[in-house]
PDB file of N, CA and C in Angstrom:
ATOM      1  N   UNK A   1      -4.527 -18.484 -13.849  1.00  0.00           N
ATOM      2  CA  UNK A   1      -5.732 -17.421 -14.741  1.00  0.00           C
ATOM      3  C   UNK A   1      -5.405 -15.916 -13.858  1.00  0.00           C
ATOM      4  N   UNK A   2      -5.224 -15.251 -14.308  1.00  0.00           N
ATOM      5  CA  UNK A   2      -5.070 -13.858 -13.893  1.00  0.00           C
ATOM      6  C   UNK A   2      -6.414 -13.085 -13.269  1.00  0.00           C
ATOM      7  N   UNK A   3      -6.302 -12.578 -12.373  1.00  0.00           N
ATOM      8  CA  UNK A   3      -7.512 -11.793 -11.881  1.00  0.00           C
ATOM      9  C   UNK A   3      -8.280 -10.684 -12.906  1.00  0.00           C
ATOM     10  N   UNK A   4      -9.337 -10.187 -12.287  1.00  0.00           N
ATOM     11  CA  UNK A   4      -9.723  -9.246 -13.533  1.00  0.00           C
ATOM     12  C   UNK A   4      -9.203  -8.177 -12.975  1.00  0.00           C
ATOM     13  N   UNK A   5      -9.350  -7.143 -12.740  1.00  0.00           N
ATOM     14  CA  UNK A   5      -8.689  -5.815 -12.219  1.00  0.00           C
ATOM     15  C   UNK A   5      -9.618  -5.128 -11.454  1.00  0.00           C
ATOM     16  N   UNK A   6     -11.171  -5.437 -11.335  1.00  0.00           N
ATOM     17  CA  UNK A   6     -12.052  -5.204 -10.360  1.00  0.00           C
ATOM     18  C   UNK A   6     -11.637  -6.466  -9.112  1.00  0.00           C
ATOM     19  N   UNK A   7     -11.464  -7.568  -9.600  1.00  0.00           N
ATOM     20  CA  UNK A   7     -11.323  -8.664  -8.521  1.00  0.00           C
ATOM     21  C   UNK A   7      -9.878  -8.228  -7.888  1.00  0.00           C
ATOM     22  N   UNK A   8      -8.716  -7.699  -8.595  1.00  0.00           N
ATOM     23  CA  UNK A   8      -7.562  -7.697  -8.242  1.00  0.00           C
ATOM     24  C   UNK A   8      -7.523  -6.243  -7.214  1.00  0.00           C
ATOM     25  N   UNK A   9      -8.625  -5.206  -6.910  1.00  0.00           N
ATOM     26  CA  UNK A   9      -8.849  -3.967  -6.649  1.00  0.00           C
ATOM     27  C   UNK A   9      -9.494  -4.551  -5.310  1.00  0.00           C
ATOM     28  N   UNK A  10     -10.122  -5.211  -5.613  1.00  0.00           N
ATOM     29  CA  UNK A  10     -10.955  -5.919  -3.941  1.00  0.00           C
ATOM     30  C   UNK A  10     -10.258  -6.958  -2.788  1.00  0.00           C
ATOM     31  N   UNK A  11      -8.967  -7.271  -3.493  1.00  0.00           N
ATOM     32  CA  UNK A  11      -8.314  -8.190  -2.752  1.00  0.00           C
ATOM     33  C   UNK A  11      -7.354  -6.710  -2.046  1.00  0.00           C
ATOM     34  N   UNK A  12      -6.757  -5.806  -3.122  1.00  0.00           N
ATOM     35  CA  UNK A  12      -6.443  -4.751  -2.362  1.00  0.00           C
ATOM     36  C   UNK A  12      -7.206  -4.027  -1.659  1.00  0.00           C
ATOM     37  N   UNK A  13      -8.152  -3.562  -1.964  1.00  0.00           N
ATOM     38  CA  UNK A  13      -8.827  -3.060  -0.569  1.00  0.00           C
ATOM     39  C   UNK A  13      -9.440  -3.333   0.549  1.00  0.00           C
ATOM     40  N   UNK A  14      -9.335  -5.228   0.373  1.00  0.00           N
ATOM     41  CA  UNK A  14      -9.683  -6.296   1.807  1.00  0.00           C
ATOM     42  C   UNK A  14      -7.927  -5.936   2.373  1.00  0.00           C
ATOM     43  N   UNK A  15      -6.767  -5.592   1.324  1.00  0.00           N
ATOM     44  CA  UNK A  15      -6.117  -5.852   2.385  1.00  0.00           C
ATOM     45  C   UNK A  15      -5.854  -4.327   3.487  1.00  0.00           C
ATOM     46  N   UNK A  16      -5.994  -3.669   2.929  1.00  0.00           N
ATOM     47  CA  UNK A  16      -6.120  -2.298   3.502  1.00  0.00           C
ATOM     48  C   UNK A  16      -7.319  -1.697   4.465  1.00  0.00           C
ATOM     49  N   UNK A  17      -8.505  -2.728   4.246  1.00  0.00           N
ATOM     50  CA  UNK A  17      -9.357  -2.772   5.543  1.00  0.00           C
ATOM     51  C   UNK A  17      -9.255  -3.091   6.757  1.00  0.00           C
ATOM     52  N   UNK A  18      -7.515  -3.274   7.455  1.00  0.00           N
ATOM     53  CA  UNK A  18      -7.538  -3.716   8.975  1.00  0.00           C
ATOM     54  C   UNK A  18      -6.564  -2.675   9.118  1.00  0.00           C
ATOM     55  N   UNK A  19      -6.719  -1.762  10.784  1.00  0.00           N
ATOM     56  CA  UNK A  19      -6.211  -1.012  11.179  1.00  0.00           C
ATOM     57  C   UNK A  19      -4.828  -1.348  10.972  1.00  0.00           C
ATOM     58  N   UNK A  20      -4.217  -2.271  11.639  1.00  0.00           N
ATOM     59  CA  UNK A  20      -3.003  -2.618  11.511  1.00  0.00           C
ATOM     60  C   UNK A  20      -2.200  -2.242   9.717  1.00  0.00           C
ATOM     61  N   UNK A  21      -2.891  -2.959   9.289  1.00  0.00           N
ATOM     62  CA  UNK A  21      -2.617  -2.969   7.869  1.00  0.00           C
ATOM     63  C   UNK A  21      -2.239  -1.972   6.940  1.00  0.00           C
ATOM     64  N   UNK A  22      -3.207  -0.944   7.456  1.00  0.00           N
ATOM     65  CA  UNK A  22      -3.323   0.132   6.920  1.00  0.00           C
ATOM     66  C   UNK A  22      -2.158   1.344   7.480  1.00  0.00           C
ATOM     67  N   UNK A  23      -2.577   0.980   8.290  1.00  0.00           N
ATOM     68  CA  UNK A  23      -0.852   1.803   9.406  1.00  0.00           C
ATOM     69  C   UNK A  23       0.398   1.393   8.571  1.00  0.00           C
ATOM     70  N   UNK A  24       0.519   0.283   8.743  1.00  0.00           N
ATOM     71  CA  UNK A  24       2.131  -0.322   8.093  1.00  0.00           C
ATOM     72  C   UNK A  24       2.156   0.001   6.582  1.00  0.00           C
ATOM     73  N   UNK A  25       1.255  -0.017   5.707  1.00  0.00           N
ATOM     74  CA  UNK A  25       1.215   0.709   4.252  1.00  0.00           C
ATOM     75  C   UNK A  25       1.426   1.844   4.492  1.00  0.00           C
ATOM     76  N   UNK A  26       0.600   3.233   5.206  1.00  0.00           N
ATOM     77  CA  UNK A  26       0.766   4.012   5.084  1.00  0.00           C
ATOM     78  C   UNK A  26       2.290   4.308   5.593  1.00  0.00           C
ATOM     79  N   UNK A  27       2.730   3.726   6.704  1.00  0.00           N
ATOM     80  CA  UNK A  27       4.384   3.631   7.066  1.00  0.00           C
ATOM     81  C   UNK A  27       5.107   3.727   5.561  1.00  0.00           C
ATOM     82  N   UNK A  28       4.842   2.361   4.986  1.00  0.00           N
ATOM     83  CA  UNK A  28       6.081   2.222   3.855  1.00  0.00           C
ATOM     84  C   UNK A  28       6.014   3.512   2.934  1.00  0.00           C
ATOM     85  N   UNK A  29       4.748   3.867   2.578  1.00  0.00           N
ATOM     86  CA  UNK A  29       4.550   4.703   1.515  1.00  0.00           C
ATOM     87  C   UNK A  29       5.796   6.333   2.349  1.00  0.00           C
ATOM     88  N   UNK A  30       5.370   6.496   3.787  1.00  0.00           N
ATOM     89  CA  UNK A  30       5.959   7.644   4.090  1.00  0.00           C
ATOM     90  C   UNK A  30       7.411   7.004   3.867  1.00  0.00           C
ATOM     91  N   UNK A  31       7.874   6.019   4.097  1.00  0.00           N
ATOM     92  CA  UNK A  31       9.695   5.779   3.835  1.00  0.00           C
ATOM     93  C   UNK A  31       9.608   5.948   2.454  1.00  0.00           C
ATOM     94  N   UNK A  32       9.308   5.797   2.136  1.00  0.00           N
ATOM     95  CA  UNK A  32       9.643   5.649   0.463  1.00  0.00           C
ATOM     96  C   UNK A  32      10.762   4.663  -0.280  1.00  0.00           C
ATOM     97  N   UNK A  33      11.195   4.898  -1.000  1.00  0.00           N
ATOM     98  CA  UNK A  33      12.196   4.013  -1.475  1.00  0.00           C
ATOM     99  C   UNK A  33      13.209   3.276  -0.415  1.00  0.00           C
ATOM    100  N   UNK A  34      13.709   3.910   0.540  1.00  0.00           N
ATOM    101  CA  UNK A  34      14.065   3.131   1.651  1.00  0.00           C
ATOM    102  C   UNK A  34      13.453   2.211   2.275  1.00  0.00           C
ATOM    103  N   UNK A  35      12.352   2.236   2.478  1.00  0.00           N
ATOM    104  CA  UNK A  35      11.609   0.997   3.333  1.00  0.00           C
ATOM    105  C   UNK A  35      11.715   0.979   4.537  1.00  0.00           C
ATOM    106  N   UNK A  36      11.511   0.122   5.685  1.00  0.00           N
ATOM    107  CA  UNK A  36      11.627  -0.100   6.423  1.00  0.00           C
ATOM    108  C   UNK A  36      11.594  -1.456   6.788  1.00  0.00           C
ATOM    109  N   UNK A  37      12.769  -1.771   7.812  1.00  0.00           N
ATOM    110  CA  UNK A  37      12.964  -2.994   8.063  1.00  0.00           C
ATOM    111  C   UNK A  37      11.861  -3.990   9.645  1.00  0.00           C
ATOM    112  N   UNK A  38      11.688  -5.098   8.914  1.00  0.00           N
ATOM    113  CA  UNK A  38      10.102  -5.549   9.800  1.00  0.00           C
ATOM    114  C   UNK A  38      10.487  -5.234  11.114  1.00  0.00           C
ATOM    115  N   UNK A  39      11.578  -4.924  11.773  1.00  0.00           N
ATOM    116  CA  UNK A  39      11.565  -4.856  13.543  1.00  0.00           C
ATOM    117  C   UNK A  39      11.371  -3.744  13.747  1.00  0.00           C
ATOM    118  N   UNK A  40      11.433  -2.656  12.839  1.00  0.00           N
ATOM    119  CA  UNK A  40      11.492  -0.813  13.056  1.00  0.00           C
ATOM    120  C   UNK A  40       9.621  -0.862  12.587  1.00  0.00           C
ATOM    121  N   UNK A  41       9.584  -1.578  12.124  1.00  0.00           N
ATOM    122  CA  UNK A  41       7.511  -1.405  12.234  1.00  0.00           C
ATOM    123  C   UNK A  41       7.103  -2.257  13.124  1.00  0.00           C
ATOM    124  N   UNK A  42       7.015  -3.178  13.871  1.00  0.00           N
ATOM    125  CA  UNK A  42       6.670  -4.305  14.695  1.00  0.00           C
ATOM    126  C   UNK A  42       6.994  -2.760  15.715  1.00  0.00           C
ATOM    127  N   UNK A  43       7.851  -2.363  15.884  1.00  0.00           N
ATOM    128  CA  UNK A  43       8.350  -1.633  17.343  1.00  0.00           C
ATOM    129  C   UNK A  43       7.567  -0.409  16.980  1.00  0.00           C
ATOM    130  N   UNK A  44       7.601   0.427  15.977  1.00  0.00           N
ATOM    131  CA  UNK A  44       6.667   1.426  16.153  1.00  0.00           C
ATOM    132  C   UNK A  44       5.176   1.499  16.077  1.00  0.00           C
ATOM    133  N   UNK A  45       4.482   0.596  15.837  1.00  0.00           N
ATOM    134  CA  UNK A  45       3.249   0.105  15.850  1.00  0.00           C
ATOM    135  C   UNK A  45       3.270  -0.587  17.065  1.00  0.00           C
ATOM    136  N   UNK A  46       3.714  -1.210  17.980  1.00  0.00           N
ATOM    137  CA  UNK A  46       3.938  -1.987  19.061  1.00  0.00           C
ATOM    138  C   UNK A  46       2.925  -3.444  18.627  1.00  0.00           C
ATOM    139  N   UNK A  47       3.372  -3.895  17.508  1.00  0.00           N
ATOM    140  CA  UNK A  47       2.819  -5.158  17.268  1.00  0.00           C
ATOM    141  C   UNK A  47       3.878  -6.328  17.452  1.00  0.00           C
ATOM    142  N   UNK A  48       3.457  -7.177  18.155  1.00  0.00           N
ATOM    143  CA  UNK A  48       4.118  -8.765  18.243  1.00  0.00           C
ATOM    144  C   UNK A  48       4.725  -9.101  16.468  1.00  0.00           C
ATOM    145  N   UNK A  49       5.805  -9.163  16.497  1.00  0.00           N
ATOM    146  CA  UNK A  49       6.673  -9.510  15.195  1.00  0.00           C
ATOM    147  C   UNK A  49       5.571 -10.890  14.491  1.00  0.00           C
ATOM    148  N   UNK A  50       5.197 -11.799  15.094  1.00  0.00           N
ATOM    149  CA  UNK A  50       4.700 -12.889  14.592  1.00  0.00           C
ATOM    150  C   UNK A  50       3.637 -12.248  13.660  1.00  0.00           C
ATOM    151  N   UNK A  51       2.184 -11.427  14.664  1.00  0.00           N
ATOM    152  CA  UNK A  51       1.513 -10.881  13.875  1.00  0.00           C
ATOM    153  C   UNK A  51       1.743  -9.965  12.903  1.00  0.00           C
ATOM    154  N   UNK A  52       2.597  -9.009  12.810  1.00  0.00           N
ATOM    155  CA  UNK A  52       2.730  -8.116  11.788  1.00  0.00           C
ATOM    156  C   UNK A  52       3.427  -8.858  10.597  1.00  0.00           C
ATOM    157  N   UNK A  53       4.139 -10.638  11.018  1.00  0.00           N
ATOM    158  CA  UNK A  53       4.680 -11.027   9.433  1.00  0.00           C
ATOM    159  C   UNK A  53       3.514 -11.197   8.619  1.00  0.00           C
ATOM    160  N   UNK A  54       2.399 -11.693   9.165  1.00  0.00           N
ATOM    161  CA  UNK A  54       0.980 -12.134   8.767  1.00  0.00           C
ATOM    162  C   UNK A  54       0.413 -11.060   8.156  1.00  0.00           C
ATOM    163  N   UNK A  55       0.596  -9.949   8.557  1.00  0.00           N
ATOM    164  CA  UNK A  55       0.013  -7.845   8.268  1.00  0.00           C
ATOM    165  C   UNK A  55       0.962  -7.949   6.627  1.00  0.00           C
ATOM    166  N   UNK A  56       2.310  -8.412   7.040  1.00  0.00           N
ATOM    167  CA  UNK A  56       2.947  -7.725   5.763  1.00  0.00           C
ATOM    168  C   UNK A  56       2.704  -8.885   4.754  1.00  0.00           C
ATOM    169  N   UNK A  57       2.543 -10.107   5.084  1.00  0.00           N
ATOM    170  CA  UNK A  57       2.586 -10.711   4.068  1.00  0.00           C
ATOM    171  C   UNK A  57       1.167 -10.884   2.868  1.00  0.00           C
ATOM    172  N   UNK A  58       0.351 -10.211   3.630  1.00  0.00           N
ATOM    173  CA  UNK A  58      -1.300  -9.664   3.538  1.00  0.00           C
ATOM    174  C   UNK A  58      -0.743  -8.612   2.590  1.00  0.00           C
ATOM    175  N   UNK A  59      -0.273  -7.448   2.586  1.00  0.00           N
ATOM    176  CA  UNK A  59      -0.186  -7.020   1.952  1.00  0.00           C
ATOM    177  C   UNK A  59       0.556  -7.230   0.569  1.00  0.00           C
ATOM    178  N   UNK A  60       1.914  -7.736   0.796  1.00  0.00           N
ATOM    179  CA  UNK A  60       3.033  -8.446  -0.251  1.00  0.00           C
ATOM    180  C   UNK A  60       1.664  -9.124  -1.003  1.00  0.00           C
ATOM    181  N   UNK A  61       0.549 -10.185  -0.879  1.00  0.00           N
ATOM    182  CA  UNK A  61       0.052 -10.786  -1.899  1.00  0.00           C
ATOM    183  C   UNK A  61      -0.909 -10.131  -2.661  1.00  0.00           C
ATOM    184  N   UNK A  62      -1.386  -8.697  -1.845  1.00  0.00           N
ATOM    185  CA  UNK A  62      -1.961  -7.631  -2.623  1.00  0.00           C
ATOM    186  C   UNK A  62      -1.648  -6.724  -3.692  1.00  0.00           C
ATOM    187  N   UNK A  63      -0.129  -7.272  -3.375  1.00  0.00           N
ATOM    188  CA  UNK A  63       0.491  -6.075  -4.585  1.00  0.00           C
ATOM    189  C   UNK A  63       0.793  -5.021  -3.647  1.00  0.00           C
ATOM    190  N   UNK A  64       0.639  -4.664  -2.763  1.00  0.00           N
ATOM    191  CA  UNK A  64       0.564  -3.206  -2.309  1.00  0.00           C
ATOM    192  C   UNK A  64       2.198  -3.014  -0.991  1.00  0.00           C
ATOM    193  N   UNK A  65       2.876  -4.200  -1.290  1.00  0.00           N
ATOM    194  CA  UNK A  65       4.203  -4.431  -0.518  1.00  0.00           C
ATOM    195  C   UNK A  65       5.189  -5.037  -1.387  1.00  0.00           C
ATOM    196  N   UNK A  66       6.508  -5.114  -0.662  1.00  0.00           N
ATOM    197  CA  UNK A  66       7.410  -5.879  -1.434  1.00  0.00           C
ATOM    198  C   UNK A  66       8.462  -6.060  -0.314  1.00  0.00           C
ATOM    199  N   UNK A  67       9.049  -7.192  -0.508  1.00  0.00           N
ATOM    200  CA  UNK A  67       9.994  -7.350   0.721  1.00  0.00           C
ATOM    201  C   UNK A  67      11.530  -7.496   0.050  1.00  0.00           C
ATOM    202  N   UNK A  68      12.836  -7.323   0.812  1.00  0.00           N
ATOM    203  CA  UNK A  68      13.752  -7.932   0.182  1.00  0.00           C
ATOM    204  C   UNK A  68      14.718  -8.172   1.705  1.00  0.00           C
ATOM    205  N   UNK A  69      15.385  -9.759   1.418  1.00  0.00           N
ATOM    206  CA  UNK A  69      16.114  -9.983   2.427  1.00  0.00           C
ATOM    207  C   UNK A  69      17.720  -9.444   2.307  1.00  0.00           C
ATOM    208  N   UNK A  70      17.789  -8.933   3.695  1.00  0.00           N
ATOM    209  CA  UNK A  70      19.151  -8.239   3.792  1.00  0.00           C
ATOM    210  C   UNK A  70      20.043  -8.829   5.124  1.00  0.00           C
ATOM    211  N   UNK A  71      20.692  -9.795   4.821  1.00  0.00           N
ATOM    212  CA  UNK A  71      21.500 -10.601   5.571  1.00  0.00           C
ATOM    213  C   UNK A  71      20.512 -11.289   6.717  1.00  0.00           C
ATOM    214  N   UNK A  72      20.598 -11.040   7.848  1.00  0.00           N
ATOM    215  CA  UNK A  72      19.160 -11.911   8.203  1.00  0.00           C
ATOM    216  C   UNK A  72      17.961 -11.089   9.309  1.00  0.00           C
ATOM    217  N   UNK A  73      17.744  -9.383   8.402  1.00  0.00           N
ATOM    218  CA  UNK A  73      16.825  -9.055   8.291  1.00  0.00           C
ATOM    219  C   UNK A  73      15.968  -8.894   6.828  1.00  0.00           C
ATOM    220  N   UNK A  74      14.514  -8.757   6.772  1.00  0.00           N
ATOM    221  CA  UNK A  74      13.467  -8.323   5.775  1.00  0.00           C
ATOM    222  C   UNK A  74      13.374  -6.987   5.992  1.00  0.00           C
ATOM    223  N   UNK A  75      13.438  -6.317   4.770  1.00  0.00           N
ATOM    224  CA  UNK A  75      13.299  -4.612   4.537  1.00  0.00           C
ATOM    225  C   UNK A  75      11.858  -4.808   3.825  1.00  0.00           C
ATOM    226  N   UNK A  76      11.059  -3.917   4.078  1.00  0.00           N
ATOM    227  CA  UNK A  76       9.819  -4.022   3.370  1.00  0.00           C
ATOM    228  C   UNK A  76       9.704  -2.321   2.523  1.00  0.00           C
ATOM    229  N   UNK A  77       8.448  -2.344   1.452  1.00  0.00           N
ATOM    230  CA  UNK A  77       8.588  -1.415   0.866  1.00  0.00           C
ATOM    231  C   UNK A  77       7.134  -1.176   0.283  1.00  0.00           C
ATOM    232  N   UNK A  78       6.931   0.232   0.317  1.00  0.00           N
ATOM    233  CA  UNK A  78       5.643   0.325  -0.563  1.00  0.00           C
ATOM    234  C   UNK A  78       6.078  -0.273  -1.993  1.00  0.00           C
ATOM    235  N   UNK A  79       4.542  -1.482  -2.218  1.00  0.00           N
ATOM    236  CA  UNK A  79       4.880  -1.248  -4.163  1.00  0.00           C
ATOM    237  C   UNK A  79       4.105  -0.086  -4.537  1.00  0.00           C
ATOM    238  N   UNK A  80       4.723   1.016  -4.912  1.00  0.00           N
ATOM    239  CA  UNK A  80       4.397   2.358  -5.456  1.00  0.00           C
ATOM    240  C   UNK A  80       3.877   1.740  -6.742  1.00  0.00           C
ATOM    241  N   UNK A  81       3.724   0.907  -7.709  1.00  0.00           N
ATOM    242  CA  UNK A  81       3.224   0.387  -8.741  1.00  0.00           C
ATOM    243  C   UNK A  81       1.645  -0.220  -8.583  1.00  0.00           C
ATOM    244  N   UNK A  82       1.457  -0.823  -7.430  1.00  0.00           N
ATOM    245  CA  UNK A  82       0.498  -1.361  -7.100  1.00  0.00           C
ATOM    246  C   UNK A  82      -0.402  -0.052  -6.491  1.00  0.00           C
ATOM    247  N   UNK A  83       0.433   0.617  -5.711  1.00  0.00           N
ATOM    248  CA  UNK A  83      -0.636   1.769  -5.205  1.00  0.00           C
ATOM    249  C   UNK A  83      -0.787   2.021  -6.303  1.00  0.00           C
ATOM    250  N   UNK A  84      -0.339   2.971  -7.538  1.00  0.00           N
ATOM    251  CA  UNK A  84      -0.856   3.753  -8.743  1.00  0.00           C
ATOM    252  C   UNK A  84      -1.490   2.468  -9.446  1.00  0.00           C
ATOM    253  N   UNK A  85      -1.743   1.695  -9.198  1.00  0.00           N
ATOM    254  CA  UNK A  85      -2.480   0.921 -10.102  1.00  0.00           C
ATOM    255  C   UNK A  85      -4.054   0.734  -9.212  1.00  0.00           C
ATOM    256  N   UNK A  86      -4.047   0.710  -7.878  1.00  0.00           N
ATOM    257  CA  UNK A  86      -5.634   0.675  -6.924  1.00  0.00           C
ATOM    258  C   UNK A  86      -5.845   2.586  -7.224  1.00  0.00           C
ATOM    259  N   UNK A  87      -4.861   3.068  -7.152  1.00  0.00           N
ATOM    260  CA  UNK A  87      -5.661   4.691  -7.266  1.00  0.00           C
ATOM    261  C   UNK A  87      -6.056   4.841  -8.709  1.00  0.00           C
ATOM    262  N   UNK A  88      -5.364   4.309  -9.949  1.00  0.00           N
ATOM    263  CA  UNK A  88      -6.027   4.462 -11.467  1.00  0.00           C
ATOM    264  C   UNK A  88      -7.431   3.753 -11.606  1.00  0.00           C
ATOM    265  N   UNK A  89      -6.888   2.438 -10.556  1.00  0.00           N
ATOM    266  CA  UNK A  89      -8.909   1.723 -10.916  1.00  0.00           C
ATOM    267  C   UNK A  89     -10.026   2.350 -10.493  1.00  0.00           C
ATOM    268  N   UNK A  90      -9.375   2.803  -8.823  1.00  0.00           N
ATOM    269  CA  UNK A  90     -10.715   3.605  -8.389  1.00  0.00           C
ATOM    270  C   UNK A  90     -10.947   5.273  -9.113  1.00  0.00           C
ATOM    271  N   UNK A  91     -10.059   5.701  -9.627  1.00  0.00           N
ATOM    272  CA  UNK A  91     -10.310   6.640 -10.337  1.00  0.00           C
ATOM    273  C   UNK A  91     -10.688   6.834 -11.891  1.00  0.00           C
ATOM    274  N   UNK A  92     -10.550   5.847 -12.371  1.00  0.00           N
ATOM    275  CA  UNK A  92     -10.908   5.690 -13.687  1.00  0.00           C
ATOM    276  C   UNK A  92     -12.193   6.220 -14.735  1.00  0.00           C
ATOM    277  N   UNK A  93     -13.182   6.227 -13.538  1.00  0.00           N
ATOM    278  CA  UNK A  93     -14.252   6.921 -14.148  1.00  0.00           C
ATOM    279  C   UNK A  93     -14.853   7.702 -13.441  1.00  0.00           C
ATOM    280  N   UNK A  94     -13.981   8.711 -12.804  1.00  0.00           N
ATOM    281  CA  UNK A  94     -14.136  10.007 -11.459  1.00  0.00           C
ATOM    282  C   UNK A  94     -14.648  11.035 -12.726  1.00  0.00           C
ATOM    283  N   UNK A  95     -14.188  11.150 -13.582  1.00  0.00           N
ATOM    284  CA  UNK A  95     -14.800  12.471 -13.834  1.00  0.00           C
ATOM    285  C   UNK A  95     -15.765  12.460 -15.711  1.00  0.00           C
ATOM    286  N   UNK A  96     -16.161  11.236 -15.514  1.00  0.00           N
ATOM    287  CA  UNK A  96     -18.051  11.245 -16.181  1.00  0.00           C
ATOM    288  C   UNK A  96     -17.687  11.809 -17.472  1.00  0.00           C
ATOM    289  N   UNK A  97     -16.288  12.232 -18.207  1.00  0.00           N
ATOM    290  CA  UNK A  97     -16.529  13.264 -19.464  1.00  0.00           C
ATOM    291  C   UNK A  97     -15.842  14.511 -19.484  1.00  0.00           C
ATOM    292  N   UNK A  98     -15.860  15.105 -17.784  1.00  0.00           N
ATOM    293  CA  UNK A  98     -15.420  16.341 -16.934  1.00  0.00           C
ATOM    294  C   UNK A  98     -14.482  16.324 -16.365  1.00  0.00           C
ATOM    295  N   UNK A  99     -13.109  16.459 -16.906  1.00  0.00           N
ATOM    296  CA  UNK A  99     -12.215  16.682 -15.582  1.00  0.00           C
ATOM    297  C   UNK A  99     -12.311  17.981 -14.722  1.00  0.00           C
ATOM    298  N   UNK A 100     -12.813  18.807 -14.866  1.00  0.00           N
ATOM    299  CA  UNK A 100     -13.231  19.442 -13.620  1.00  0.00           C
ATOM    300  C   UNK A 100     -13.682  18.689 -12.475  1.00  0.00           C
ATOM    301  N   UNK A 101     -14.639  17.988 -12.627  1.00  0.00           N
ATOM    302  CA  UNK A 101     -15.406  17.021 -11.981  1.00  0.00           C
ATOM    303  C   UNK A 101     -13.994  16.436 -10.549  1.00  0.00           C
ATOM    304  N   UNK A 102     -12.892  15.867 -11.098  1.00  0.00           N
ATOM    305  CA  UNK A 102     -11.802  15.758 -10.323  1.00  0.00           C
ATOM    306  C   UNK A 102     -11.112  16.605 -10.285  1.00  0.00           C
ATOM    307  N   UNK A 103     -10.879  17.985 -10.965  1.00  0.00           N
ATOM    308  CA  UNK A 103      -9.661  18.454 -10.769  1.00  0.00           C
ATOM    309  C   UNK A 103      -8.758  18.981  -9.637  1.00  0.00           C
ATOM    310  N   UNK A 104     -10.013  18.720  -8.105  1.00  0.00           N
ATOM    311  CA  UNK A 104      -8.821  18.973  -7.152  1.00  0.00           C
ATOM    312  C   UNK A 104      -8.105  18.026  -6.776  1.00  0.00           C
ATOM    313  N   UNK A 105      -8.624  16.727  -6.995  1.00  0.00           N
ATOM    314  CA  UNK A 105      -7.875  15.625  -6.593  1.00  0.00           C
ATOM    315  C   UNK A 105      -6.542  15.875  -6.689  1.00  0.00           C
ATOM    316  N   UNK A 106      -6.067  16.025  -7.147  1.00  0.00           N
ATOM    317  CA  UNK A 106      -4.261  16.519  -7.802  1.00  0.00           C
ATOM    318  C   UNK A 106      -3.899  17.274  -6.605  1.00  0.00           C
ATOM    319  N   UNK A 107      -4.529  18.280  -5.948  1.00  0.00           N
ATOM    320  CA  UNK A 107      -4.128  19.771  -5.029  1.00  0.00           C
ATOM    321  C   UNK A 107      -4.322  18.633  -3.885  1.00  0.00           C
ATOM    322  N   UNK A 108      -5.392  17.612  -3.648  1.00  0.00           N
ATOM    323  CA  UNK A 108      -5.703  17.318  -2.163  1.00  0.00           C
ATOM    324  C   UNK A 108      -4.411  16.133  -1.930  1.00  0.00           C
ATOM    325  N   UNK A 109      -4.250  15.484  -3.537  1.00  0.00           N
ATOM    326  CA  UNK A 109      -3.105  14.259  -3.019  1.00  0.00           C
ATOM    327  C   UNK A 109      -1.544  14.829  -3.494  1.00  0.00           C
ATOM    328  N   UNK A 110      -1.362  16.005  -3.718  1.00  0.00           N
ATOM    329  CA  UNK A 110      -0.251  16.694  -4.211  1.00  0.00           C
ATOM    330  C   UNK A 110       0.705  16.455  -3.162  1.00  0.00           C
ATOM    331  N   UNK A 111       2.151  15.988  -3.581  1.00  0.00           N
ATOM    332  CA  UNK A 111       3.034  15.313  -2.843  1.00  0.00           C
ATOM    333  C   UNK A 111       3.754  16.457  -1.883  1.00  0.00           C
ATOM    334  N   UNK A 112       3.709  16.644  -0.622  1.00  0.00           N
ATOM    335  CA  UNK A 112       4.409  17.776   0.424  1.00  0.00           C
ATOM    336  C   UNK A 112       5.237  17.456   0.784  1.00  0.00           C
ATOM    337  N   UNK A 113       6.335  18.911   0.623  1.00  0.00           N
ATOM    338  CA  UNK A 113       7.414  18.223   1.459  1.00  0.00           C
ATOM    339  C   UNK A 113       7.663  18.281   2.979  1.00  0.00           C
TER     340      UNK A 113
END
């Protein structure tokens, strides 16, 4: 049985509603397509590997991160499709028929070099 868009969004928001997971997700977004190795993330955040593993698995289940084994290490990446899906869900009814209501959202979130 497939989760409704709202149920999926609640799960994604729950995954992000933790300080460590939010920090990890933001790190992965900043890392872009290259992603980061699990050990690198643990070191940067000063989080024990076993604890980090739990948080990364939570982000993966929520559809906000992906992992790929590379020999003995695992590389994690932000799932940009999942991120876009969550943002689209949150913004779906933003404009109330008037695009000017949310016009500055693109300026606020515009990618910066």
